[in-house]
Amino acid sequence: MKADRILDCVGLYCPMPIVKTSKEIKELADGEILEVIADDKGIKSDMPAWCSKTGHECLGIEEEDGEFHVFVKKKG
């Protein structure tokens, strides 16, 4: 999946990937996609929950070499 911006959260643990995603997504235009890369397994449940609460769309989560690539589409 092609992202408009990539946010590296490797080495960060809950709640920092969500905190950083919340800040970063404000910099995107409506409809743009943010790819969040993290190695905290919690992101698999935290990000979809955050998206449903904020109205952004979780497009999918891909796991590769112990890292999770989460794709979030900004609402609007």
Protein backbone atom coordinates (compact mmCIF):
# COMPACT_ATOMS: atom_id res chain seq x y z
CA MET A 1 0.00 0.00 0.00
CA LYS A 2 1.29 3.47 -0.85
CA ALA A 3 1.35 6.01 1.98
CA ASP A 4 1.59 9.79 1.69
CA ARG A 5 3.72 9.94 4.84
CA ILE A 6 5.56 7.42 7.05
CA LEU A 7 5.80 7.63 10.84
CA ASP A 8 8.51 5.51 12.49
CA CYS A 9 7.48 4.40 15.98
CA VAL A 10 9.89 1.44 16.29
CA GLY A 11 11.09 1.14 19.88
CA LEU A 12 8.13 3.08 21.28
CA TYR A 13 5.50 1.44 23.45
CA CYS A 14 1.90 2.21 24.33
CA PRO A 15 0.68 4.90 24.29
CA MET A 16 3.41 6.68 22.30
CA PRO A 17 2.63 5.27 18.81
CA ILE A 18 -0.96 6.51 19.18
CA VAL A 19 0.15 9.87 20.61
CA LYS A 20 2.57 10.39 17.71
CA THR A 21 -0.03 9.22 15.16
CA SER A 22 -2.56 11.68 16.55
CA LYS A 23 -0.07 14.54 16.16
CA GLU A 24 1.20 13.47 12.72
CA ILE A 25 -2.23 12.93 11.15
CA LYS A 26 -3.08 16.58 11.79
CA GLU A 27 -0.35 17.47 9.28
CA LEU A 28 -2.03 15.46 6.49
CA ALA A 29 -4.76 16.61 4.12
CA ASP A 30 -8.13 14.86 4.23
CA GLY A 31 -7.98 11.50 2.49
CA GLU A 32 -4.19 11.13 2.72
CA ILE A 33 -2.68 7.93 4.10
CA LEU A 34 -0.25 7.67 7.01
CA GLU A 35 1.87 4.54 7.41
CA VAL A 36 2.83 3.89 11.03
CA ILE A 37 5.69 1.46 11.59
CA ALA A 38 5.90 -0.02 15.10
CA ASP A 39 7.25 -3.09 16.85
CA ASP A 40 4.81 -3.00 19.78
CA LYS A 41 2.20 -5.77 19.31
CA GLY A 42 -0.34 -3.59 21.09
CA ILE A 43 -0.68 -1.47 17.97
CA LYS A 44 -2.72 -4.27 16.35
CA SER A 45 -5.60 -3.53 18.72
CA ASP A 46 -4.81 0.06 19.73
CA MET A 47 -4.79 1.59 16.24
CA PRO A 48 -8.16 0.19 15.05
CA ALA A 49 -9.70 1.30 18.37
CA TRP A 50 -8.21 4.80 18.02
CA CYS A 51 -9.42 5.03 14.42
CA SER A 52 -12.98 4.08 15.31
CA LYS A 53 -12.96 6.65 18.12
CA THR A 54 -11.55 9.48 15.97
CA GLY A 55 -13.28 8.71 12.67
CA HIS A 56 -10.11 7.96 10.73
CA GLU A 57 -10.02 4.74 8.71
CA CYS A 58 -7.66 1.87 9.52
CA LEU A 59 -6.96 0.46 6.05
CA GLY A 60 -4.93 -2.51 7.23
CA ILE A 61 -2.04 -3.89 9.22
CA GLU A 62 0.84 -5.79 7.64
CA GLU A 63 3.40 -7.68 9.72
CA GLU A 64 6.94 -7.98 8.41
CA ASP A 65 10.06 -9.10 10.30
CA GLY A 66 8.57 -8.30 13.72
CA GLU A 67 7.37 -4.86 12.64
CA PHE A 68 3.80 -3.78 12.08
CA HIS A 69 2.94 -1.45 9.21
CA VAL A 70 -0.40 0.19 9.93
CA PHE A 71 -2.13 2.27 7.27
CA VAL A 72 -4.46 5.04 8.43
CA LYS A 73 -6.53 7.20 6.10
CA LYS A 74 -7.34 10.68 7.42
CA LYS A 75 -11.06 11.29 7.66
CA GLY A 76 -12.68 13.78 5.37
